[in-house]
């Protein structure tokens, strides 16, 4: 899956193993880097959702249109589909099988 970042600062941080481990600590840093590798290796969101321990889910309310992947409580990797027109199912929901590009928006505690 095509992977990009919401801003240059985040891209620089997450493209450097050393900086990621320094900012988030060894345990969370490795988990974040693993999630990024899993995203890049997956063809679609549906493929990503089938991997063990991803817990990929759509968010709601003020985060509608965003998806969350568990890192380690309380941290979440927040992504958004990167398509000009969002692929939708007939019922209006996001068609995960057609999302082939995402933007990493942030790493945060959504609770």
C-alpha atoms as a PDB file:
ATOM      1  CA  UNK A   1       0.000   0.000   0.000  1.00  0.00           C
ATOM      2  CA  UNK A   2       1.209   3.479  -0.764  1.00  0.00           C
ATOM      3  CA  UNK A   3       2.166   5.287   2.432  1.00  0.00           C
ATOM      4  CA  UNK A   4       2.682   9.004   2.960  1.00  0.00           C
ATOM      5  CA  UNK A   5       2.674  11.389   5.901  1.00  0.00           C
ATOM      6  CA  UNK A   6       0.553  14.389   6.844  1.00  0.00           C
ATOM      7  CA  UNK A   7       3.576  16.687   7.158  1.00  0.00           C
ATOM      8  CA  UNK A   8       7.345  16.795   6.651  1.00  0.00           C
ATOM      9  CA  UNK A   9       8.117  16.748  10.380  1.00  0.00           C
ATOM     10  CA  UNK A  10       6.202  13.494  10.889  1.00  0.00           C
ATOM     11  CA  UNK A  11       7.754  11.967   7.754  1.00  0.00           C
ATOM     12  CA  UNK A  12      11.254  12.820   8.954  1.00  0.00           C
ATOM     13  CA  UNK A  13      10.560  11.381  12.417  1.00  0.00           C
ATOM     14  CA  UNK A  14       8.976   8.121  11.257  1.00  0.00           C
ATOM     15  CA  UNK A  15      11.445   7.513   8.433  1.00  0.00           C
ATOM     16  CA  UNK A  16      14.268   7.441  10.976  1.00  0.00           C
ATOM     17  CA  UNK A  17      14.434   4.379  13.206  1.00  0.00           C
ATOM     18  CA  UNK A  18      16.762   6.199  15.593  1.00  0.00           C
ATOM     19  CA  UNK A  19      14.456   9.223  15.945  1.00  0.00           C
ATOM     20  CA  UNK A  20      11.320   7.073  16.314  1.00  0.00           C
ATOM     21  CA  UNK A  21      12.909   4.976  19.067  1.00  0.00           C
ATOM     22  CA  UNK A  22      14.170   8.104  20.818  1.00  0.00           C
ATOM     23  CA  UNK A  23      10.786   9.875  20.770  1.00  0.00           C
ATOM     24  CA  UNK A  24       8.517   6.921  21.612  1.00  0.00           C
ATOM     25  CA  UNK A  25      10.903   4.647  23.525  1.00  0.00           C
ATOM     26  CA  UNK A  26      12.261   1.274  22.422  1.00  0.00           C
ATOM     27  CA  UNK A  27       9.044  -0.729  22.890  1.00  0.00           C
ATOM     28  CA  UNK A  28       6.557   1.714  21.325  1.00  0.00           C
ATOM     29  CA  UNK A  29       9.102   2.797  18.705  1.00  0.00           C
ATOM     30  CA  UNK A  30       9.528  -0.777  17.465  1.00  0.00           C
ATOM     31  CA  UNK A  31       5.762  -1.288  17.442  1.00  0.00           C
ATOM     32  CA  UNK A  32       5.267   1.891  15.394  1.00  0.00           C
ATOM     33  CA  UNK A  33       7.940   0.893  12.891  1.00  0.00           C
ATOM     34  CA  UNK A  34       6.386  -2.587  12.617  1.00  0.00           C
ATOM     35  CA  UNK A  35       2.942  -1.080  11.909  1.00  0.00           C
ATOM     36  CA  UNK A  36       4.413   1.145   9.200  1.00  0.00           C
ATOM     37  CA  UNK A  37       6.082  -1.897   7.616  1.00  0.00           C
ATOM     38  CA  UNK A  38       2.807  -3.819   7.758  1.00  0.00           C
ATOM     39  CA  UNK A  39       0.970  -0.956   6.062  1.00  0.00           C
ATOM     40  CA  UNK A  40       3.590  -0.716   3.318  1.00  0.00           C
ATOM     41  CA  UNK A  41       3.532  -4.492   2.756  1.00  0.00           C
ATOM     42  CA  UNK A  42      -0.268  -4.719   2.511  1.00  0.00           C
ATOM     43  CA  UNK A  43      -2.063  -4.177  -0.787  1.00  0.00           C
ATOM     44  CA  UNK A  44      -5.265  -2.810   0.774  1.00  0.00           C
ATOM     45  CA  UNK A  45      -6.766  -1.858   4.128  1.00  0.00           C
ATOM     46  CA  UNK A  46      -8.657  -5.150   4.063  1.00  0.00           C
ATOM     47  CA  UNK A  47      -5.365  -7.069   3.817  1.00  0.00           C
ATOM     48  CA  UNK A  48      -3.947  -4.996   6.667  1.00  0.00           C
ATOM     49  CA  UNK A  49      -6.982  -5.672   8.851  1.00  0.00           C
ATOM     50  CA  UNK A  50      -6.400  -9.444   8.566  1.00  0.00           C
ATOM     51  CA  UNK A  51      -2.930  -9.265  10.128  1.00  0.00           C
ATOM     52  CA  UNK A  52      -2.705 -10.334  13.774  1.00  0.00           C
ATOM     53  CA  UNK A  53      -2.920  -7.633  16.460  1.00  0.00           C
ATOM     54  CA  UNK A  54      -3.618  -4.708  14.128  1.00  0.00           C
ATOM     55  CA  UNK A  55      -7.091  -3.882  15.482  1.00  0.00           C
ATOM     56  CA  UNK A  56      -7.731  -1.567  12.574  1.00  0.00           C
ATOM     57  CA  UNK A  57     -11.012   0.285  12.969  1.00  0.00           C
ATOM     58  CA  UNK A  58     -12.804   3.364  11.685  1.00  0.00           C
ATOM     59  CA  UNK A  59     -13.245   6.268  14.065  1.00  0.00           C
ATOM     60  CA  UNK A  60     -16.377   8.349  14.486  1.00  0.00           C
ATOM     61  CA  UNK A  61     -17.632  11.783  15.549  1.00  0.00           C
ATOM     62  CA  UNK A  62     -14.927  14.447  15.136  1.00  0.00           C
ATOM     63  CA  UNK A  63     -12.536  11.799  13.755  1.00  0.00           C
ATOM     64  CA  UNK A  64     -14.905  10.493  11.057  1.00  0.00           C
ATOM     65  CA  UNK A  65     -12.928   9.455   7.980  1.00  0.00           C
ATOM     66  CA  UNK A  66      -9.914   8.427  10.060  1.00  0.00           C
ATOM     67  CA  UNK A  67      -8.817   4.913  10.982  1.00  0.00           C
ATOM     68  CA  UNK A  68      -6.892   3.768  14.012  1.00  0.00           C
ATOM     69  CA  UNK A  69      -4.339   0.995  14.528  1.00  0.00           C
ATOM     70  CA  UNK A  70      -3.381  -0.046  18.039  1.00  0.00           C
ATOM     71  CA  UNK A  71       0.230   0.435  19.028  1.00  0.00           C
ATOM     72  CA  UNK A  72       0.185  -0.083  22.786  1.00  0.00           C
ATOM     73  CA  UNK A  73      -2.431   1.418  25.065  1.00  0.00           C
ATOM     74  CA  UNK A  74      -3.015   4.336  24.921  1.00  0.00           C
ATOM     75  CA  UNK A  75      -1.098   5.083  21.683  1.00  0.00           C
ATOM     76  CA  UNK A  76      -2.787   4.751  18.300  1.00  0.00           C
ATOM     77  CA  UNK A  77      -1.491   5.237  14.771  1.00  0.00           C
ATOM     78  CA  UNK A  78      -4.069   7.372  12.937  1.00  0.00           C
ATOM     79  CA  UNK A  79      -4.337   7.009   9.164  1.00  0.00           C
ATOM     80  CA  UNK A  80      -6.641   8.421   6.507  1.00  0.00           C
ATOM     81  CA  UNK A  81      -7.333   7.037   3.024  1.00  0.00           C
ATOM     82  CA  UNK A  82      -5.387   8.910   0.339  1.00  0.00           C
ATOM     83  CA  UNK A  83      -7.779   8.843  -2.623  1.00  0.00           C
ATOM     84  CA  UNK A  84      -9.333  11.757  -4.498  1.00  0.00           C
ATOM     85  CA  UNK A  85     -12.652   9.932  -4.329  1.00  0.00           C
ATOM     86  CA  UNK A  86     -13.096   7.617  -1.365  1.00  0.00           C
ATOM     87  CA  UNK A  87     -14.005   4.078  -2.415  1.00  0.00           C
ATOM     88  CA  UNK A  88     -17.413   3.355  -0.931  1.00  0.00           C
ATOM     89  CA  UNK A  89     -19.564   0.277  -0.549  1.00  0.00           C
ATOM     90  CA  UNK A  90     -23.186   0.413  -1.743  1.00  0.00           C
ATOM     91  CA  UNK A  91     -24.306   1.157   1.841  1.00  0.00           C
ATOM     92  CA  UNK A  92     -22.066   4.251   1.922  1.00  0.00           C
ATOM     93  CA  UNK A  93     -19.340   2.830   4.162  1.00  0.00           C
ATOM     94  CA  UNK A  94     -15.651   2.842   3.282  1.00  0.00           C
ATOM     95  CA  UNK A  95     -14.676  -0.068   1.014  1.00  0.00           C
ATOM     96  CA  UNK A  96     -11.496  -1.302   2.679  1.00  0.00           C
ATOM     97  CA  UNK A  97     -10.746  -3.664  -0.202  1.00  0.00           C
ATOM     98  CA  UNK A  98     -10.243  -0.686  -2.539  1.00  0.00           C
ATOM     99  CA  UNK A  99      -8.144   1.580  -0.300  1.00  0.00           C
ATOM    100  CA  UNK A 100      -4.606   1.250  -1.663  1.00  0.00           C
ATOM    101  CA  UNK A 101      -3.018   4.448  -0.311  1.00  0.00           C
ATOM    102  CA  UNK A 102      -3.053   6.038   3.131  1.00  0.00           C
ATOM    103  CA  UNK A 103      -1.647   9.062   4.909  1.00  0.00           C
ATOM    104  CA  UNK A 104      -0.251   8.722   8.421  1.00  0.00           C
ATOM    105  CA  UNK A 105      -1.940  11.625  10.187  1.00  0.00           C
ATOM    106  CA  UNK A 106      -0.558  11.265  13.714  1.00  0.00           C
ATOM    107  CA  UNK A 107       0.343   9.080  16.631  1.00  0.00           C
ATOM    108  CA  UNK A 108      -1.826   9.934  19.602  1.00  0.00           C
ATOM    109  CA  UNK A 109      -4.129   8.816  22.404  1.00  0.00           C
ATOM    110  CA  UNK A 110      -7.652   9.046  20.952  1.00  0.00           C
ATOM    111  CA  UNK A 111      -9.386   8.456  24.292  1.00  0.00           C
END
